[in-house]
Amino acid sequence: MAKWFNWSPVVPLIERYVDDGSRDLCTAQVSIGDTGDFEVSIVGTAHRVEMIRVATLNSDGALSVKQQEMVSKLVDQMLMVLRLTYDVNADLVRFGDDTISLGAHDKDGLPNLGVNITESFVGQRPVVASDNIRNVFVASMPHRHLFKLLGDAQSSLLPIQYRYLSLYKILELEFRFKKKWQGLQELLEPYNDEYKEMKLSSRGPVSLLHDMRDRCAHIKIGGDDSLGIVGLDGPDTKIVIALVPFLQRIIASYLTAKYIPLAFQVAPSG
C-alpha cells in the first residue's frame, strides 16, 4: 500500500531531521469519510517532539484539495493536543507567517526522511533607524491602544482569528460611532481594484469584513448554527489569512496619515 508522508517540524529548529519510522512516539489512525485514511504521528525522543507526521494512505502524493486541507487540519489538531498534554508553548517552526512542510513517498511502507535545515537570511538586513524608532515611539504614546492592536495583528505567534479581530477593533474605534459605521466605505474605496484582484468574494469589502468578523468572534454563525473559524483550515480561514495583510497596509497608511507624520509602516513579517 503506497503512502505519502508530510512532516511539520516542531520548535525548536534543529539542524538535521531524520525519520525512518523507528523514532515514532505515538501514532493515531484516522478515517475521514470520502477524504481518505490517515496516520498521524509525532516523531522525536523521550523528551522532545521534533516533528508531526501525517501519512496519507493509498496515495501516490497527488493529494486532492480535500486531502491537502485534511492534512493541515490533522497537523493543527495534533499541535493543539501537544499544547494541552506536552508543552503549552508547542508550535511549528515558523518563518514569519510561513511554516515548513516536507513531503515524500514511502520506502517499503516506511517513512524515509533525512534533511538538514538551517536558518539563513537572504538579502540585506533592514537598517535600524533609531531616530525614527524613537520618534514613532513618542508620537504613538497618546494613541498606544491603536498601535498595540496593530502590533498584535502583526505577530505570527497569535492565532489568525485574534489578529483579524485586532484589526477590526481599530476600524471600530475609528469609524463606528453610536453603533453606526461612518467613513469605512470611503477608507476602502481606493483599494477596490486590489480587492477585486484578490477574488475572495463576490461581495463588497465592507460586507465581507463584517462577515469574517462574525466568523472569527463566534463559534456558531447564522440561523443554521454553522461553525465559525476555529483553526487554520477551511475556506473562511483562507479568506481571513488573505485579508489580514490587506487590512494591515490600509490601516497602517491611515494611522500614519492621521496620527504620526513620520516614516511608519507595517514591517514585513518574514
Protein backbone atom coordinates (compact mmCIF):
# COMPACT_ATOMS: atom_id res chain seq x y z
CA MET A 1 0.00 0.00 0.00
CA ALA A 2 1.50 3.30 -1.12
CA LYS A 3 1.78 6.11 1.41
CA TRP A 4 2.53 9.79 1.12
CA PHE A 5 4.16 11.42 4.13
CA ASN A 6 4.02 15.06 5.21
CA TRP A 7 6.24 16.33 8.02
CA SER A 8 5.88 19.55 10.02
CA PRO A 9 8.89 20.39 12.23
CA VAL A 10 8.13 21.50 15.79
CA VAL A 11 10.14 24.19 17.58
CA PRO A 12 12.94 24.46 18.39
CA LEU A 13 14.54 24.21 14.94
CA ILE A 14 17.26 21.54 14.83
CA GLU A 15 19.88 21.11 12.14
CA ARG A 16 19.01 17.60 10.95
CA TYR A 17 15.67 15.83 10.75
CA VAL A 18 15.64 12.06 10.34
CA ASP A 19 12.66 9.72 10.20
CA ASP A 20 12.67 6.05 9.26
CA GLY A 21 9.76 5.06 11.47
CA SER A 22 11.93 3.91 14.36
CA ARG A 23 11.51 7.12 16.39
CA ASP A 24 7.72 7.30 16.45
CA LEU A 25 6.45 8.36 19.88
CA CYS A 26 2.82 7.58 19.07
CA THR A 27 0.55 7.07 16.07
CA ALA A 28 -3.19 7.52 15.63
CA GLN A 29 -5.25 6.15 12.73
CA VAL A 30 -7.88 8.50 11.30
CA SER A 31 -10.53 7.69 8.69
CA ILE A 32 -12.41 10.64 7.16
CA GLY A 33 -15.35 9.52 5.03
CA ASP A 34 -14.71 10.12 1.33
CA THR A 35 -11.50 12.07 2.03
CA GLY A 36 -9.36 9.07 2.90
CA ASP A 37 -7.42 7.25 5.60
CA PHE A 38 -4.56 8.85 7.51
CA GLU A 39 -1.99 8.11 10.18
CA VAL A 40 -0.89 10.94 12.45
CA SER A 41 2.37 10.51 14.36
CA ILE A 42 4.75 12.50 16.50
CA VAL A 43 8.44 11.82 15.96
CA GLY A 44 11.35 12.55 18.30
CA THR A 45 12.91 11.48 21.57
CA ALA A 46 11.56 10.76 25.05
CA HIS A 47 12.00 14.44 25.96
CA ARG A 48 11.45 16.29 22.68
CA VAL A 49 8.84 16.20 19.92
CA GLU A 50 10.69 17.07 16.72
CA MET A 51 8.03 16.62 14.04
CA ILE A 52 4.38 15.98 13.39
CA ARG A 53 3.98 13.46 10.57
CA VAL A 54 0.81 12.76 8.60
CA ALA A 55 0.66 9.75 6.32
CA THR A 56 -1.99 9.72 3.61
CA LEU A 57 -2.73 6.08 2.89
CA ASN A 58 -3.22 4.67 -0.61
CA SER A 59 -1.72 7.81 -2.12
CA ASP A 60 0.98 8.49 -4.68
CA GLY A 61 1.37 12.06 -3.45
CA ALA A 62 -1.16 13.67 -5.79
CA LEU A 63 -3.39 14.76 -2.91
CA SER A 64 -6.82 16.15 -3.66
CA VAL A 65 -7.77 19.59 -2.32
CA LYS A 66 -9.79 17.87 0.41
CA GLN A 67 -6.84 15.70 1.36
CA GLN A 68 -4.48 18.69 1.47
CA GLU A 69 -6.90 20.53 3.73
CA MET A 70 -7.28 17.44 5.91
CA VAL A 71 -3.51 17.12 6.35
CA SER A 72 -3.45 20.73 7.59
CA LYS A 73 -6.36 20.04 9.93
CA LEU A 74 -4.67 16.96 11.37
CA VAL A 75 -1.41 18.84 11.96
CA ASP A 76 -3.37 21.65 13.63
CA GLN A 77 -5.24 19.13 15.78
CA MET A 78 -2.06 17.38 16.91
CA LEU A 79 -0.44 20.73 17.68
CA MET A 80 -3.42 21.63 19.86
CA VAL A 81 -3.13 18.29 21.71
CA LEU A 82 0.60 18.84 22.26
CA ARG A 83 -0.16 22.19 23.89
CA LEU A 84 -2.64 20.52 26.21
CA THR A 85 -0.60 17.45 27.09
CA TYR A 86 3.10 18.13 26.44
CA ASP A 87 4.14 21.80 26.29
CA VAL A 88 1.84 24.84 26.40
CA ASN A 89 4.32 26.64 24.11
CA ALA A 90 4.48 23.89 21.47
CA ASP A 91 4.41 25.35 17.97
CA LEU A 92 5.52 24.66 14.43
CA VAL A 93 8.79 26.10 13.18
CA ARG A 94 7.82 29.41 11.63
CA PHE A 95 9.47 31.99 9.42
CA GLY A 96 7.12 34.93 9.74
CA ASP A 97 3.68 33.65 8.78
CA ASP A 98 5.07 30.61 6.95
CA THR A 99 5.70 27.13 8.32
CA ILE A 100 7.87 24.31 6.98
CA SER A 101 6.17 21.34 5.34
CA LEU A 102 8.12 18.43 3.87
CA GLY A 103 6.68 15.64 1.73
CA ALA A 104 7.92 12.33 0.34
CA HIS A 105 6.84 8.88 -0.81
CA ASP A 106 7.24 5.89 1.47
CA LYS A 107 10.10 3.42 1.17
CA ASP A 108 8.79 -0.13 1.57
CA GLY A 109 5.86 1.26 3.53
CA LEU A 110 8.03 3.28 5.93
CA PRO A 111 8.93 6.98 6.12
CA ASN A 112 12.27 7.90 4.61
CA LEU A 113 13.38 11.37 5.63
CA GLY A 114 16.85 12.80 6.08
CA VAL A 115 17.21 16.54 5.64
CA ASN A 116 19.27 19.40 7.04
CA ILE A 117 17.55 22.71 7.76
CA THR A 118 19.42 25.85 8.71
CA GLU A 119 18.13 29.34 9.24
CA SER A 120 19.61 31.91 6.90
CA PHE A 121 18.88 35.44 5.80
CA VAL A 122 18.77 36.27 2.10
CA GLY A 123 19.47 39.84 1.12
CA GLN A 124 20.35 42.84 3.24
CA ARG A 125 19.03 43.11 6.77
CA PRO A 126 16.94 46.22 7.46
CA VAL A 127 18.78 49.18 8.92
CA VAL A 128 17.87 50.10 12.50
CA ALA A 129 16.55 53.62 12.02
CA SER A 130 17.00 54.53 15.68
CA ASP A 131 15.94 58.18 15.43
CA ASN A 132 12.73 57.31 13.64
CA ILE A 133 12.01 54.46 16.07
CA ARG A 134 12.32 56.89 18.99
CA ASN A 135 10.15 59.49 17.27
CA VAL A 136 7.41 56.99 16.39
CA PHE A 137 7.51 55.63 19.93
CA VAL A 138 6.96 59.09 21.41
CA ALA A 139 4.36 60.16 18.85
CA SER A 140 2.34 56.94 19.23
CA MET A 141 2.05 57.13 23.02
CA PRO A 142 -1.23 59.11 23.06
CA HIS A 143 -2.74 56.50 20.74
CA ARG A 144 -0.97 53.40 22.04
CA HIS A 145 -4.20 51.38 22.22
CA LEU A 146 -4.48 51.62 18.43
CA PHE A 147 -0.86 50.72 17.80
CA LYS A 148 -0.99 47.87 20.32
CA LEU A 149 -3.82 46.38 18.28
CA LEU A 150 -1.88 46.88 15.05
CA GLY A 151 1.20 45.29 16.64
CA ASP A 152 -0.83 42.27 17.77
CA ALA A 153 -2.13 41.84 14.22
CA GLN A 154 1.48 41.73 13.02
CA SER A 155 2.51 38.86 15.30
CA SER A 156 2.54 35.43 13.62
CA LEU A 157 2.61 33.85 17.10
CA LEU A 158 -1.02 34.82 17.68
CA PRO A 159 -3.99 32.94 16.18
CA ILE A 160 -5.20 34.35 12.88
CA GLN A 161 -8.66 34.98 14.36
CA TYR A 162 -7.16 37.19 17.09
CA ARG A 163 -5.04 39.09 14.59
CA TYR A 164 -8.04 39.78 12.37
CA LEU A 165 -10.18 40.92 15.30
CA SER A 166 -7.37 43.26 16.41
CA LEU A 167 -7.56 44.99 13.03
CA TYR A 168 -11.34 45.04 13.12
CA LYS A 169 -11.24 46.72 16.54
CA ILE A 170 -9.15 49.52 15.07
CA LEU A 171 -11.81 50.05 12.42
CA GLU A 172 -14.48 50.11 15.13
CA LEU A 173 -12.56 52.64 17.20
CA GLU A 174 -12.02 54.92 14.23
CA PHE A 175 -15.16 54.50 12.14
CA ARG A 176 -18.02 53.34 14.37
CA PHE A 177 -19.94 55.90 16.37
CA LYS A 178 -23.14 55.25 18.33
CA LYS A 179 -23.48 51.83 16.66
CA LYS A 180 -23.24 53.34 13.15
CA TRP A 181 -20.34 52.99 10.70
CA GLN A 182 -19.12 56.29 9.27
CA GLY A 183 -16.32 56.60 6.73
CA LEU A 184 -15.39 52.92 6.40
CA GLN A 185 -16.63 52.70 2.82
CA GLU A 186 -14.58 55.78 1.93
CA LEU A 187 -11.47 54.34 3.57
CA LEU A 188 -11.66 51.17 1.45
CA GLU A 189 -12.67 52.72 -1.88
CA PRO A 190 -9.09 53.45 -3.08
CA TYR A 191 -8.32 49.74 -2.64
CA ASN A 192 -11.31 48.39 -4.57
CA ASP A 193 -9.28 47.30 -7.58
CA GLU A 194 -6.80 45.43 -5.41
CA TYR A 195 -9.66 43.82 -3.51
CA LYS A 196 -11.25 42.61 -6.75
CA GLU A 197 -7.94 41.12 -7.89
CA MET A 198 -7.80 39.06 -4.68
CA LYS A 199 -11.01 37.27 -5.78
CA LEU A 200 -12.08 36.48 -2.23
CA SER A 201 -15.82 37.01 -2.63
CA SER A 202 -18.48 38.42 -4.92
CA ARG A 203 -19.49 40.71 -2.06
CA GLY A 204 -18.01 44.13 -1.48
CA PRO A 205 -15.17 44.58 1.02
CA VAL A 206 -17.28 46.15 3.78
CA SER A 207 -19.78 43.29 3.76
CA LEU A 208 -17.01 40.69 3.73
CA LEU A 209 -15.11 42.36 6.59
CA HIS A 210 -18.17 42.28 8.82
CA ASP A 211 -18.98 38.68 7.93
CA MET A 212 -15.45 37.50 8.66
CA ARG A 213 -15.56 39.38 11.96
CA ASP A 214 -18.60 37.33 12.97
CA ARG A 215 -16.89 34.11 11.90
CA CYS A 216 -13.79 34.96 13.92
CA ALA A 217 -15.69 36.11 17.01
CA HIS A 218 -18.46 33.49 17.21
CA ILE A 219 -18.43 29.71 17.21
CA LYS A 220 -21.93 29.49 15.69
CA ILE A 221 -22.93 31.54 12.65
CA GLY A 222 -26.36 32.25 11.16
CA GLY A 223 -29.67 30.55 11.66
CA ASP A 224 -28.29 27.10 10.89
CA ASP A 225 -25.58 27.33 13.59
CA SER A 226 -22.80 26.76 11.06
CA LEU A 227 -19.32 26.58 12.57
CA GLY A 228 -17.17 29.69 12.81
CA ILE A 229 -13.40 29.78 12.39
CA VAL A 230 -11.62 27.51 14.87
CA GLY A 231 -8.35 26.63 13.13
CA LEU A 232 -6.07 27.14 10.18
CA ASP A 233 -8.25 25.32 7.67
CA GLY A 234 -11.35 25.76 5.59
CA PRO A 235 -12.31 28.38 3.02
CA ASP A 236 -13.27 31.07 5.56
CA THR A 237 -9.88 30.84 7.25
CA LYS A 238 -8.14 31.26 3.90
CA ILE A 239 -10.14 34.45 3.33
CA VAL A 240 -9.11 35.81 6.74
CA ILE A 241 -5.46 34.91 6.10
CA ALA A 242 -5.62 36.94 2.87
CA LEU A 243 -7.46 39.86 4.49
CA VAL A 244 -5.02 40.36 7.39
CA PRO A 245 -2.07 41.75 5.36
CA PHE A 246 -4.51 43.67 3.15
CA LEU A 247 -6.05 45.41 6.17
CA GLN A 248 -2.67 45.90 7.84
CA ARG A 249 -1.44 48.03 4.97
CA ILE A 250 -4.66 50.04 4.75
CA ILE A 251 -4.80 50.71 8.48
CA ALA A 252 -1.08 51.47 8.77
CA SER A 253 -1.39 54.04 5.99
CA TYR A 254 -4.45 55.56 7.65
CA LEU A 255 -2.87 55.77 11.11
CA THR A 256 0.32 57.22 9.68
CA ALA A 257 -1.57 59.99 7.90
CA LYS A 258 -3.83 60.78 10.84
CA TYR A 259 -1.62 60.41 13.87
CA ILE A 260 2.08 60.10 13.01
CA PRO A 261 3.58 62.25 10.25
CA LEU A 262 6.73 60.13 10.35
CA ALA A 263 8.26 57.20 8.42
CA PHE A 264 6.00 54.46 9.74
CA GLN A 265 4.81 51.29 8.03
CA VAL A 266 3.94 47.70 8.80
CA ALA A 267 7.23 45.81 8.80
CA PRO A 268 7.45 42.57 6.75
CA SER A 269 6.64 39.58 8.97
CA GLY A 270 9.10 37.21 7.31
